[in-house]
Amino acid sequence: MPGFLLHVGAGIACPHGGQASITVAAPRVKAMGQPVAVLSDPTTVAGCAFQVPVGAGTKPQPCMTVRWLVGAARVRVNGTPVLLQTSSGLCQSAEGIPQGPPTVSMTQTRVRGM
């Protein structure tokens, strides 16, 4: 699915409102002056307040990471697919429990990939 390339400054959030940030391992390729993200780049989430109801109390299960599942089919950086605005991912807790898909709200609007 075509879409704009994700970069370090892209606005990404978990389903519960936590903000995700991408750490780019190979910052040589840039879009709008910021490094482009690839499928293998680690993405961490901060500020997720998700809690699981447990009996009389709650158990904190905030989203901690995003595991990207699908990148671009045709565009690669150093042999790894780049991430697109339309890429599929899954937010996960520290225990690896799936929490839902991330939402990309803002990205650069000049470079498209497929």
PDB file of N, CA and C in Angstrom:
ATOM      1  N   MET A   1       0.834  -1.165   0.000  1.00  0.00           N
ATOM      2  CA  MET A   1       0.000   0.000   0.000  1.00  0.00           C
ATOM      3  C   MET A   1       0.895   1.249   0.000  1.00  0.00           C
ATOM      4  N   PRO A   2       0.720   2.161  -0.904  1.00  0.00           N
ATOM      5  CA  PRO A   2       1.570   3.350  -0.938  1.00  0.00           C
ATOM      6  C   PRO A   2       1.299   4.280   0.239  1.00  0.00           C
ATOM      7  N   GLY A   3       2.319   5.043   0.584  1.00  0.00           N
ATOM      8  CA  GLY A   3       2.180   6.010   1.667  1.00  0.00           C
ATOM      9  C   GLY A   3       3.442   6.824   1.816  1.00  0.00           C
ATOM     10  N   PHE A   4       3.381   7.849   2.629  1.00  0.00           N
ATOM     11  CA  PHE A   4       4.546   8.676   2.886  1.00  0.00           C
ATOM     12  C   PHE A   4       5.527   7.931   3.792  1.00  0.00           C
ATOM     13  N   LEU A   5       6.834   8.154   3.584  1.00  0.00           N
ATOM     14  CA  LEU A   5       7.857   7.518   4.402  1.00  0.00           C
ATOM     15  C   LEU A   5       7.840   8.077   5.818  1.00  0.00           C
ATOM     16  N   LEU A   6       8.015   7.190   6.810  1.00  0.00           N
ATOM     17  CA  LEU A   6       8.123   7.630   8.197  1.00  0.00           C
ATOM     18  C   LEU A   6       9.552   8.071   8.465  1.00  0.00           C
ATOM     19  N   HIS A   7       9.707   9.061   9.311  1.00  0.00           N
ATOM     20  CA  HIS A   7      11.023   9.543   9.693  1.00  0.00           C
ATOM     21  C   HIS A   7      11.059   9.699  11.206  1.00  0.00           C
ATOM     22  N   VAL A   8      12.197  10.114  11.726  1.00  0.00           N
ATOM     23  CA  VAL A   8      12.373  10.240  13.170  1.00  0.00           C
ATOM     24  C   VAL A   8      11.342  11.172  13.803  1.00  0.00           C
ATOM     25  N   GLY A   9      10.958  12.231  13.149  1.00  0.00           N
ATOM     26  CA  GLY A   9      10.024  13.194  13.719  1.00  0.00           C
ATOM     27  C   GLY A   9       8.561  12.886  13.502  1.00  0.00           C
ATOM     28  N   ALA A  10       8.231  11.709  12.989  1.00  0.00           N
ATOM     29  CA  ALA A  10       6.828  11.367  12.721  1.00  0.00           C
ATOM     30  C   ALA A  10       6.036  11.280  14.024  1.00  0.00           C
ATOM     31  N   GLY A  11       4.766  11.651  13.962  1.00  0.00           N
ATOM     32  CA  GLY A  11       3.877  11.558  15.119  1.00  0.00           C
ATOM     33  C   GLY A  11       3.228  10.184  15.160  1.00  0.00           C
ATOM     34  N   ILE A  12       3.622   9.366  16.133  1.00  0.00           N
ATOM     35  CA  ILE A  12       3.101   8.003  16.262  1.00  0.00           C
ATOM     36  C   ILE A  12       2.602   7.838  17.694  1.00  0.00           C
ATOM     37  N   ALA A  13       1.427   7.238  17.849  1.00  0.00           N
ATOM     38  CA  ALA A  13       0.854   7.042  19.177  1.00  0.00           C
ATOM     39  C   ALA A  13       0.333   5.617  19.324  1.00  0.00           C
ATOM     40  N   CYS A  14       0.349   5.130  20.568  1.00  0.00           N
ATOM     41  CA  CYS A  14      -0.249   3.825  20.858  1.00  0.00           C
ATOM     42  C   CYS A  14      -1.765   4.024  20.960  1.00  0.00           C
ATOM     43  N   PRO A  15      -2.559   2.941  21.024  1.00  0.00           N
ATOM     44  CA  PRO A  15      -4.019   3.093  21.092  1.00  0.00           C
ATOM     45  C   PRO A  15      -4.519   3.810  22.349  1.00  0.00           C
ATOM     46  N   HIS A  16      -3.636   3.958  23.367  1.00  0.00           N
ATOM     47  CA  HIS A  16      -4.050   4.562  24.626  1.00  0.00           C
ATOM     48  C   HIS A  16      -3.487   5.974  24.813  1.00  0.00           C
ATOM     49  N   GLY A  17      -2.892   6.522  23.760  1.00  0.00           N
ATOM     50  CA  GLY A  17      -2.415   7.897  23.803  1.00  0.00           C
ATOM     51  C   GLY A  17      -0.947   8.091  24.121  1.00  0.00           C
ATOM     52  N   GLY A  18      -0.197   7.016  24.358  1.00  0.00           N
ATOM     53  CA  GLY A  18       1.242   7.143  24.593  1.00  0.00           C
ATOM     54  C   GLY A  18       1.961   7.527  23.306  1.00  0.00           C
ATOM     55  N   GLN A  19       3.028   8.294  23.419  1.00  0.00           N
ATOM     56  CA  GLN A  19       3.773   8.755  22.247  1.00  0.00           C
ATOM     57  C   GLN A  19       4.933   7.813  21.936  1.00  0.00           C
ATOM     58  N   ALA A  20       5.030   7.415  20.676  1.00  0.00           N
ATOM     59  CA  ALA A  20       6.089   6.505  20.238  1.00  0.00           C
ATOM     60  C   ALA A  20       7.190   7.287  19.540  1.00  0.00           C
ATOM     61  N   SER A  21       8.425   6.818  19.703  1.00  0.00           N
ATOM     62  CA  SER A  21       9.551   7.440  19.014  1.00  0.00           C
ATOM     63  C   SER A  21      10.439   6.357  18.417  1.00  0.00           C
ATOM     64  N   ILE A  22      10.924   6.633  17.225  1.00  0.00           N
ATOM     65  CA  ILE A  22      11.747   5.680  16.484  1.00  0.00           C
ATOM     66  C   ILE A  22      13.214   6.044  16.664  1.00  0.00           C
ATOM     67  N   THR A  23      14.045   5.031  16.926  1.00  0.00           N
ATOM     68  CA  THR A  23      15.487   5.211  16.990  1.00  0.00           C
ATOM     69  C   THR A  23      16.070   4.633  15.710  1.00  0.00           C
ATOM     70  N   VAL A  24      16.586   5.499  14.855  1.00  0.00           N
ATOM     71  CA  VAL A  24      17.078   5.073  13.551  1.00  0.00           C
ATOM     72  C   VAL A  24      18.517   4.597  13.671  1.00  0.00           C
ATOM     73  N   ALA A  25      18.787   3.388  13.155  1.00  0.00           N
ATOM     74  CA  ALA A  25      20.126   2.805  13.226  1.00  0.00           C
ATOM     75  C   ALA A  25      21.035   3.288  12.096  1.00  0.00           C
ATOM     76  N   ALA A  26      20.467   3.558  10.917  1.00  0.00           N
ATOM     77  CA  ALA A  26      21.254   4.001   9.758  1.00  0.00           C
ATOM     78  C   ALA A  26      20.720   5.345   9.273  1.00  0.00           C
ATOM     79  N   PRO A  27      21.221   6.466   9.817  1.00  0.00           N
ATOM     80  CA  PRO A  27      20.643   7.776   9.505  1.00  0.00           C
ATOM     81  C   PRO A  27      21.137   8.428   8.221  1.00  0.00           C
ATOM     82  N   ARG A  28      21.671   7.667   7.277  1.00  0.00           N
ATOM     83  CA  ARG A  28      22.212   8.273   6.053  1.00  0.00           C
ATOM     84  C   ARG A  28      21.138   8.749   5.084  1.00  0.00           C
ATOM     85  N   VAL A  29      20.017   8.054   5.015  1.00  0.00           N
ATOM     86  CA  VAL A  29      18.939   8.433   4.094  1.00  0.00           C
ATOM     87  C   VAL A  29      17.962   9.329   4.848  1.00  0.00           C
ATOM     88  N   LYS A  30      17.673  10.499   4.265  1.00  0.00           N
ATOM     89  CA  LYS A  30      16.819  11.469   4.949  1.00  0.00           C
ATOM     90  C   LYS A  30      15.674  11.922   4.060  1.00  0.00           C
ATOM     91  N   ALA A  31      14.577  12.286   4.704  1.00  0.00           N
ATOM     92  CA  ALA A  31      13.423  12.896   4.040  1.00  0.00           C
ATOM     93  C   ALA A  31      13.076  14.140   4.844  1.00  0.00           C
ATOM     94  N   MET A  32      13.008  15.274   4.163  1.00  0.00           N
ATOM     95  CA  MET A  32      12.747  16.555   4.832  1.00  0.00           C
ATOM     96  C   MET A  32      13.774  16.833   5.939  1.00  0.00           C
ATOM     97  N   GLY A  33      15.011  16.364   5.734  1.00  0.00           N
ATOM     98  CA  GLY A  33      16.089  16.630   6.675  1.00  0.00           C
ATOM     99  C   GLY A  33      16.144  15.712   7.878  1.00  0.00           C
ATOM    100  N   GLN A  34      15.251  14.701   7.961  1.00  0.00           N
ATOM    101  CA  GLN A  34      15.245  13.792   9.096  1.00  0.00           C
ATOM    102  C   GLN A  34      15.454  12.363   8.612  1.00  0.00           C
ATOM    103  N   PRO A  35      16.178  11.534   9.389  1.00  0.00           N
ATOM    104  CA  PRO A  35      16.449  10.154   8.973  1.00  0.00           C
ATOM    105  C   PRO A  35      15.171   9.344   8.764  1.00  0.00           C
ATOM    106  N   VAL A  36      15.180   8.526   7.718  1.00  0.00           N
ATOM    107  CA  VAL A  36      14.051   7.658   7.374  1.00  0.00           C
ATOM    108  C   VAL A  36      14.114   6.390   8.226  1.00  0.00           C
ATOM    109  N   ALA A  37      12.956   5.923   8.690  1.00  0.00           N
ATOM    110  CA  ALA A  37      12.876   4.726   9.529  1.00  0.00           C
ATOM    111  C   ALA A  37      12.689   3.475   8.675  1.00  0.00           C
ATOM    112  N   VAL A  38      13.295   2.368   9.128  1.00  0.00           N
ATOM    113  CA  VAL A  38      13.147   1.084   8.446  1.00  0.00           C
ATOM    114  C   VAL A  38      12.485   0.077   9.385  1.00  0.00           C
ATOM    115  N   LEU A  39      12.083  -1.046   8.828  1.00  0.00           N
ATOM    116  CA  LEU A  39      11.328  -2.075   9.550  1.00  0.00           C
ATOM    117  C   LEU A  39      12.023  -2.559  10.821  1.00  0.00           C
ATOM    118  N   SER A  40      13.347  -2.612  10.826  1.00  0.00           N
ATOM    119  CA  SER A  40      14.072  -3.154  11.970  1.00  0.00           C
ATOM    120  C   SER A  40      14.430  -2.122  13.037  1.00  0.00           C
ATOM    121  N   ASP A  41      14.114  -0.852  12.814  1.00  0.00           N
ATOM    122  CA  ASP A  41      14.442   0.180  13.799  1.00  0.00           C
ATOM    123  C   ASP A  41      13.569   0.034  15.041  1.00  0.00           C
ATOM    124  N   PRO A  42      14.184   0.104  16.238  1.00  0.00           N
ATOM    125  CA  PRO A  42      13.384  -0.006  17.464  1.00  0.00           C
ATOM    126  C   PRO A  42      12.494   1.219  17.675  1.00  0.00           C
ATOM    127  N   THR A  43      11.269   0.959  18.111  1.00  0.00           N
ATOM    128  CA  THR A  43      10.308   2.018  18.385  1.00  0.00           C
ATOM    129  C   THR A  43       9.827   1.855  19.815  1.00  0.00           C
ATOM    130  N   THR A  44      10.022   2.878  20.647  1.00  0.00           N
ATOM    131  CA  THR A  44       9.618   2.810  22.049  1.00  0.00           C
ATOM    132  C   THR A  44       8.435   3.733  22.294  1.00  0.00           C
ATOM    133  N   VAL A  45       7.640   3.383  23.305  1.00  0.00           N
ATOM    134  CA  VAL A  45       6.443   4.154  23.648  1.00  0.00           C
ATOM    135  C   VAL A  45       6.610   4.715  25.058  1.00  0.00           C
ATOM    136  N   ALA A  46       6.266   5.973  25.238  1.00  0.00           N
ATOM    137  CA  ALA A  46       6.302   6.618  26.553  1.00  0.00           C
ATOM    138  C   ALA A  46       4.952   7.261  26.830  1.00  0.00           C
ATOM    139  N   GLY A  47       4.530   7.209  28.077  1.00  0.00           N
ATOM    140  CA  GLY A  47       3.303   7.898  28.474  1.00  0.00           C
ATOM    141  C   GLY A  47       2.015   7.119  28.295  1.00  0.00           C
ATOM    142  N   CYS A  48       2.099   5.812  28.074  1.00  0.00           N
ATOM    143  CA  CYS A  48       0.883   5.001  27.954  1.00  0.00           C
ATOM    144  C   CYS A  48       0.359   4.700  29.361  1.00  0.00           C
ATOM    145  N   ALA A  49      -0.910   4.928  29.571  1.00  0.00           N
ATOM    146  CA  ALA A  49      -1.497   4.756  30.903  1.00  0.00           C
ATOM    147  C   ALA A  49      -2.426   3.547  30.979  1.00  0.00           C
ATOM    148  N   PHE A  50      -2.284   2.587  30.084  1.00  0.00           N
ATOM    149  CA  PHE A  50      -3.200   1.448  30.051  1.00  0.00           C
ATOM    150  C   PHE A  50      -3.067   0.589  31.309  1.00  0.00           C
ATOM    151  N   GLN A  51      -4.213   0.203  31.878  1.00  0.00           N
ATOM    152  CA  GLN A  51      -4.269  -0.650  33.070  1.00  0.00           C
ATOM    153  C   GLN A  51      -5.236  -1.799  32.805  1.00  0.00           C
ATOM    154  N   VAL A  52      -4.893  -2.982  33.263  1.00  0.00           N
ATOM    155  CA  VAL A  52      -5.765  -4.143  33.127  1.00  0.00           C
ATOM    156  C   VAL A  52      -6.505  -4.344  34.444  1.00  0.00           C
ATOM    157  N   PRO A  53      -7.840  -4.411  34.419  1.00  0.00           N
ATOM    158  CA  PRO A  53      -8.578  -4.679  35.656  1.00  0.00           C
ATOM    159  C   PRO A  53      -8.275  -6.093  36.164  1.00  0.00           C
ATOM    160  N   VAL A  54      -7.848  -6.190  37.423  1.00  0.00           N
ATOM    161  CA  VAL A  54      -7.532  -7.488  38.030  1.00  0.00           C
ATOM    162  C   VAL A  54      -8.230  -7.550  39.378  1.00  0.00           C
ATOM    163  N   GLY A  55      -9.278  -8.343  39.466  1.00  0.00           N
ATOM    164  CA  GLY A  55      -9.988  -8.476  40.736  1.00  0.00           C
ATOM    165  C   GLY A  55     -10.422  -7.132  41.281  1.00  0.00           C
ATOM    166  N   ALA A  56      -9.974  -6.838  42.509  1.00  0.00           N
ATOM    167  CA  ALA A  56     -10.353  -5.588  43.167  1.00  0.00           C
ATOM    168  C   ALA A  56      -9.465  -4.414  42.753  1.00  0.00           C
ATOM    169  N   GLY A  57      -8.306  -4.681  42.126  1.00  0.00           N
ATOM    170  CA  GLY A  57      -7.380  -3.611  41.758  1.00  0.00           C
ATOM    171  C   GLY A  57      -7.117  -3.581  40.266  1.00  0.00           C
ATOM    172  N   THR A  58      -5.991  -2.996  39.892  1.00  0.00           N
ATOM    173  CA  THR A  58      -5.586  -2.957  38.498  1.00  0.00           C
ATOM    174  C   THR A  58      -4.122  -3.341  38.389  1.00  0.00           C
ATOM    175  N   LYS A  59      -3.737  -3.775  37.202  1.00  0.00           N
ATOM    176  CA  LYS A  59      -2.343  -4.120  36.937  1.00  0.00           C
ATOM    177  C   LYS A  59      -1.867  -3.247  35.777  1.00  0.00           C
ATOM    178  N   PRO A  60      -0.823  -2.444  35.984  1.00  0.00           N
ATOM    179  CA  PRO A  60      -0.323  -1.618  34.882  1.00  0.00           C
ATOM    180  C   PRO A  60       0.195  -2.489  33.736  1.00  0.00           C
ATOM    181  N   GLN A  61      -0.248  -2.212  32.532  1.00  0.00           N
ATOM    182  CA  GLN A  61       0.216  -2.914  31.327  1.00  0.00           C
ATOM    183  C   GLN A  61       0.425  -1.898  30.218  1.00  0.00           C
ATOM    184  N   PRO A  62       1.250  -0.866  30.434  1.00  0.00           N
ATOM    185  CA  PRO A  62       1.414   0.152  29.401  1.00  0.00           C
ATOM    186  C   PRO A  62       2.134  -0.391  28.172  1.00  0.00           C
ATOM    187  N   CYS A  63       1.846   0.213  27.048  1.00  0.00           N
ATOM    188  CA  CYS A  63       2.575  -0.113  25.820  1.00  0.00           C
ATOM    189  C   CYS A  63       4.015   0.361  26.008  1.00  0.00           C
ATOM    190  N   MET A  64       4.971  -0.480  25.628  1.00  0.00           N
ATOM    191  CA  MET A  64       6.389  -0.138  25.780  1.00  0.00           C
ATOM    192  C   MET A  64       7.113  -0.054  24.437  1.00  0.00           C
ATOM    193  N   THR A  65       6.700  -0.902  23.493  1.00  0.00           N
ATOM    194  CA  THR A  65       7.365  -0.938  22.183  1.00  0.00           C
ATOM    195  C   THR A  65       6.333  -1.094  21.071  1.00  0.00           C
ATOM    196  N   VAL A  66       6.784  -0.823  19.857  1.00  0.00           N
ATOM    197  CA  VAL A  66       5.984  -1.105  18.666  1.00  0.00           C
ATOM    198  C   VAL A  66       6.776  -2.105  17.839  1.00  0.00           C
ATOM    199  N   ARG A  67       6.162  -3.218  17.513  1.00  0.00           N
ATOM    200  CA  ARG A  67       6.777  -4.196  16.615  1.00  0.00           C
ATOM    201  C   ARG A  67       6.145  -3.992  15.243  1.00  0.00           C
ATOM    202  N   TRP A  68       6.947  -3.488  14.312  1.00  0.00           N
ATOM    203  CA  TRP A  68       6.448  -3.237  12.961  1.00  0.00           C
ATOM    204  C   TRP A  68       6.379  -4.548  12.207  1.00  0.00           C
ATOM    205  N   LEU A  69       5.271  -4.796  11.531  1.00  0.00           N
ATOM    206  CA  LEU A  69       5.037  -6.065  10.846  1.00  0.00           C
ATOM    207  C   LEU A  69       5.249  -5.979   9.343  1.00  0.00           C
ATOM    208  N   VAL A  70       4.836  -4.879   8.729  1.00  0.00           N
ATOM    209  CA  VAL A  70       4.901  -4.737   7.280  1.00  0.00           C
ATOM    210  C   VAL A  70       5.497  -3.382   6.925  1.00  0.00           C
ATOM    211  N   GLY A  71       6.529  -3.411   6.079  1.00  0.00           N
ATOM    212  CA  GLY A  71       7.138  -2.179   5.579  1.00  0.00           C
ATOM    213  C   GLY A  71       6.817  -2.011   4.107  1.00  0.00           C
ATOM    214  N   ALA A  72       7.576  -1.163   3.449  1.00  0.00           N
ATOM    215  CA  ALA A  72       7.386  -0.923   2.020  1.00  0.00           C
ATOM    216  C   ALA A  72       7.782  -2.156   1.220  1.00  0.00           C
ATOM    217  N   ALA A  73       7.090  -2.395   0.123  1.00  0.00           N
ATOM    218  CA  ALA A  73       7.391  -3.537  -0.736  1.00  0.00           C
ATOM    219  C   ALA A  73       8.518  -3.235  -1.711  1.00  0.00           C
ATOM    220  N   ARG A  74       8.669  -1.977  -2.099  1.00  0.00           N
ATOM    221  CA  ARG A  74       9.637  -1.637  -3.142  1.00  0.00           C
ATOM    222  C   ARG A  74      10.783  -0.737  -2.694  1.00  0.00           C
ATOM    223  N   VAL A  75      10.615  -0.002  -1.612  1.00  0.00           N
ATOM    224  CA  VAL A  75      11.644   0.951  -1.187  1.00  0.00           C
ATOM    225  C   VAL A  75      12.410   0.373   0.000  1.00  0.00           C
ATOM    226  N   ARG A  76      13.737   0.365  -0.117  1.00  0.00           N
ATOM    227  CA  ARG A  76      14.589  -0.198   0.936  1.00  0.00           C
ATOM    228  C   ARG A  76      15.757   0.732   1.237  1.00  0.00           C
ATOM    229  N   VAL A  77      16.244   0.652   2.467  1.00  0.00           N
ATOM    230  CA  VAL A  77      17.460   1.345   2.876  1.00  0.00           C
ATOM    231  C   VAL A  77      18.387   0.268   3.426  1.00  0.00           C
ATOM    232  N   ASN A  78      19.557   0.146   2.831  1.00  0.00           N
ATOM    233  CA  ASN A  78      20.516  -0.905   3.204  1.00  0.00           C
ATOM    234  C   ASN A  78      19.877  -2.295   3.188  1.00  0.00           C
ATOM    235  N   GLY A  79      18.979  -2.536   2.248  1.00  0.00           N
ATOM    236  CA  GLY A  79      18.346  -3.842   2.093  1.00  0.00           C
ATOM    237  C   GLY A  79      17.147  -4.094   2.991  1.00  0.00           C
ATOM    238  N   THR A  80      16.775  -3.151   3.839  1.00  0.00           N
ATOM    239  CA  THR A  80      15.643  -3.322   4.751  1.00  0.00           C
ATOM    240  C   THR A  80      14.495  -2.419   4.310  1.00  0.00           C
ATOM    241  N   PRO A  81      13.262  -2.945   4.275  1.00  0.00           N
ATOM    242  CA  PRO A  81      12.121  -2.117   3.866  1.00  0.00           C
ATOM    243  C   PRO A  81      11.942  -0.893   4.765  1.00  0.00           C
ATOM    244  N   VAL A  82      11.630   0.248   4.155  1.00  0.00           N
ATOM    245  CA  VAL A  82      11.359   1.457   4.938  1.00  0.00           C
ATOM    246  C   VAL A  82       9.954   1.371   5.528  1.00  0.00           C
ATOM    247  N   LEU A  83       9.704   2.159   6.553  1.00  0.00           N
ATOM    248  CA  LEU A  83       8.369   2.236   7.136  1.00  0.00           C
ATOM    249  C   LEU A  83       7.584   3.332   6.430  1.00  0.00           C
ATOM    250  N   LEU A  84       6.319   3.035   6.187  1.00  0.00           N
ATOM    251  CA  LEU A  84       5.421   3.985   5.548  1.00  0.00           C
ATOM    252  C   LEU A  84       4.346   4.416   6.529  1.00  0.00           C
ATOM    253  N   GLN A  85       3.662   5.490   6.195  1.00  0.00           N
ATOM    254  CA  GLN A  85       2.531   5.952   7.002  1.00  0.00           C
ATOM    255  C   GLN A  85       1.468   4.859   7.099  1.00  0.00           C
ATOM    256  N   THR A  86       1.407   3.986   6.101  1.00  0.00           N
ATOM    257  CA  THR A  86       0.407   2.913   6.059  1.00  0.00           C
ATOM    258  C   THR A  86       0.941   1.575   6.572  1.00  0.00           C
ATOM    259  N   SER A  87       2.165   1.545   7.106  1.00  0.00           N
ATOM    260  CA  SER A  87       2.753   0.288   7.592  1.00  0.00           C
ATOM    261  C   SER A  87       1.978  -0.265   8.782  1.00  0.00           C
ATOM    262  N   SER A  88       1.924  -1.601   8.854  1.00  0.00           N
ATOM    263  CA  SER A  88       1.240  -2.267   9.958  1.00  0.00           C
ATOM    264  C   SER A  88       2.206  -2.504  11.104  1.00  0.00           C
ATOM    265  N   GLY A  89       1.707  -2.331  12.322  1.00  0.00           N
ATOM    266  CA  GLY A  89       2.515  -2.567  13.505  1.00  0.00           C
ATOM    267  C   GLY A  89       1.636  -2.997  14.655  1.00  0.00           C
ATOM    268  N   LEU A  90       2.281  -3.391  15.752  1.00  0.00           N
ATOM    269  CA  LEU A  90       1.554  -3.849  16.921  1.00  0.00           C
ATOM    270  C   LEU A  90       2.255  -3.325  18.167  1.00  0.00           C
ATOM    271  N   CYS A  91       1.544  -2.569  18.990  1.00  0.00           N
ATOM    272  CA  CYS A  91       2.097  -2.094  20.251  1.00  0.00           C
ATOM    273  C   CYS A  91       2.098  -3.257  21.237  1.00  0.00           C
ATOM    274  N   GLN A  92       3.156  -3.326  22.063  1.00  0.00           N
ATOM    275  CA  GLN A  92       3.285  -4.423  23.012  1.00  0.00           C
ATOM    276  C   GLN A  92       3.662  -3.898  24.387  1.00  0.00           C
ATOM    277  N   SER A  93       3.196  -4.628  25.420  1.00  0.00           N
ATOM    278  CA  SER A  93       3.575  -4.295  26.797  1.00  0.00           C
ATOM    279  C   SER A  93       4.977  -4.847  27.053  1.00  0.00           C
ATOM    280  N   ALA A  94       5.502  -4.595  28.255  1.00  0.00           N
ATOM    281  CA  ALA A  94       6.824  -5.102  28.626  1.00  0.00           C
ATOM    282  C   ALA A  94       6.855  -6.629  28.626  1.00  0.00           C
ATOM    283  N   GLU A  95       5.701  -7.249  28.850  1.00  0.00           N
ATOM    284  CA  GLU A  95       5.599  -8.704  28.849  1.00  0.00           C
ATOM    285  C   GLU A  95       5.367  -9.274  27.453  1.00  0.00           C
ATOM    286  N   GLY A  96       5.298  -8.407  26.445  1.00  0.00           N
ATOM    287  CA  GLY A  96       5.085  -8.849  25.066  1.00  0.00           C
ATOM    288  C   GLY A  96       3.636  -9.073  24.704  1.00  0.00           C
ATOM    289  N   ILE A  97       2.725  -8.576  25.516  1.00  0.00           N
ATOM    290  CA  ILE A  97       1.296  -8.747  25.262  1.00  0.00           C
ATOM    291  C   ILE A  97       0.853  -7.712  24.222  1.00  0.00           C
ATOM    292  N   PRO A  98       0.191  -8.157  23.144  1.00  0.00           N
ATOM    293  CA  PRO A  98      -0.286  -7.212  22.119  1.00  0.00           C
ATOM    294  C   PRO A  98      -1.327  -6.261  22.694  1.00  0.00           C
ATOM    295  N   GLN A  99      -1.186  -4.964  22.365  1.00  0.00           N
ATOM    296  CA  GLN A  99      -2.085  -3.947  22.895  1.00  0.00           C
ATOM    297  C   GLN A  99      -2.913  -3.257  21.821  1.00  0.00           C
ATOM    298  N   GLY A 100      -2.580  -3.473  20.555  1.00  0.00           N
ATOM    299  CA  GLY A 100      -3.315  -2.828  19.469  1.00  0.00           C
ATOM    300  C   GLY A 100      -2.364  -2.135  18.505  1.00  0.00           C
ATOM    301  N   PRO A 101      -2.892  -1.651  17.395  1.00  0.00           N
ATOM    302  CA  PRO A 101      -2.040  -1.019  16.377  1.00  0.00           C
ATOM    303  C   PRO A 101      -1.684   0.428  16.728  1.00  0.00           C
ATOM    304  N   PRO A 102      -0.495   0.871  16.313  1.00  0.00           N
ATOM    305  CA  PRO A 102      -0.146   2.277  16.503  1.00  0.00           C
ATOM    306  C   PRO A 102      -0.864   3.150  15.471  1.00  0.00           C
ATOM    307  N   THR A 103      -0.975   4.423  15.767  1.00  0.00           N
ATOM    308  CA  THR A 103      -1.590   5.384  14.860  1.00  0.00           C
ATOM    309  C   THR A 103      -0.553   6.409  14.445  1.00  0.00           C
ATOM    310  N   VAL A 104      -0.389   6.579  13.139  1.00  0.00           N
ATOM    311  CA  VAL A 104       0.524   7.599  12.623  1.00  0.00           C
ATOM    312  C   VAL A 104      -0.306   8.836  12.320  1.00  0.00           C
ATOM    313  N   SER A 105      -0.037   9.915  13.043  1.00  0.00           N
ATOM    314  CA  SER A 105      -0.835  11.126  12.877  1.00  0.00           C
ATOM    315  C   SER A 105      -0.145  12.202  12.047  1.00  0.00           C
ATOM    316  N   MET A 106       1.188  12.138  11.992  1.00  0.00           N
ATOM    317  CA  MET A 106       1.902  13.180  11.275  1.00  0.00           C
ATOM    318  C   MET A 106       3.202  12.616  10.712  1.00  0.00           C
ATOM    319  N   THR A 107       3.497  12.958   9.481  1.00  0.00           N
ATOM    320  CA  THR A 107       4.760  12.564   8.859  1.00  0.00           C
ATOM    321  C   THR A 107       5.096  13.581   7.768  1.00  0.00           C
ATOM    322  N   GLN A 108       6.243  13.418   7.162  1.00  0.00           N
ATOM    323  CA  GLN A 108       6.606  14.318   6.071  1.00  0.00           C
ATOM    324  C   GLN A 108       5.678  14.041   4.879  1.00  0.00           C
ATOM    325  N   THR A 109       5.528  15.000   3.981  1.00  0.00           N
ATOM    326  CA  THR A 109       4.564  14.851   2.889  1.00  0.00           C
ATOM    327  C   THR A 109       5.188  15.057   1.515  1.00  0.00           C
ATOM    328  N   ARG A 110       6.467  14.763   1.378  1.00  0.00           N
ATOM    329  CA  ARG A 110       7.117  14.924   0.076  1.00  0.00           C
ATOM    330  C   ARG A 110       7.518  13.601  -0.558  1.00  0.00           C
ATOM    331  N   VAL A 111       7.936  12.636   0.240  1.00  0.00           N
ATOM    332  CA  VAL A 111       8.460  11.383  -0.301  1.00  0.00           C
ATOM    333  C   VAL A 111       7.474  10.253  -0.049  1.00  0.00           C
ATOM    334  N   ARG A 112       7.031   9.635  -1.145  1.00  0.00           N
ATOM    335  CA  ARG A 112       6.103   8.487  -1.046  1.00  0.00           C
ATOM    336  C   ARG A 112       6.853   7.210  -1.382  1.00  0.00           C
ATOM    337  N   GLY A 113       6.376   6.129  -0.825  1.00  0.00           N
ATOM    338  CA  GLY A 113       6.929   4.822  -1.126  1.00  0.00           C
ATOM    339  C   GLY A 113       5.808   3.827  -1.354  1.00  0.00           C
ATOM    340  N   MET A 114       6.211   2.672  -1.845  1.00  0.00           N
ATOM    341  CA  MET A 114       5.227   1.614  -2.074  1.00  0.00           C
ATOM    342  C   MET A 114       5.813   0.302  -1.625  1.00  0.00           C
TER     343      MET A 114
END
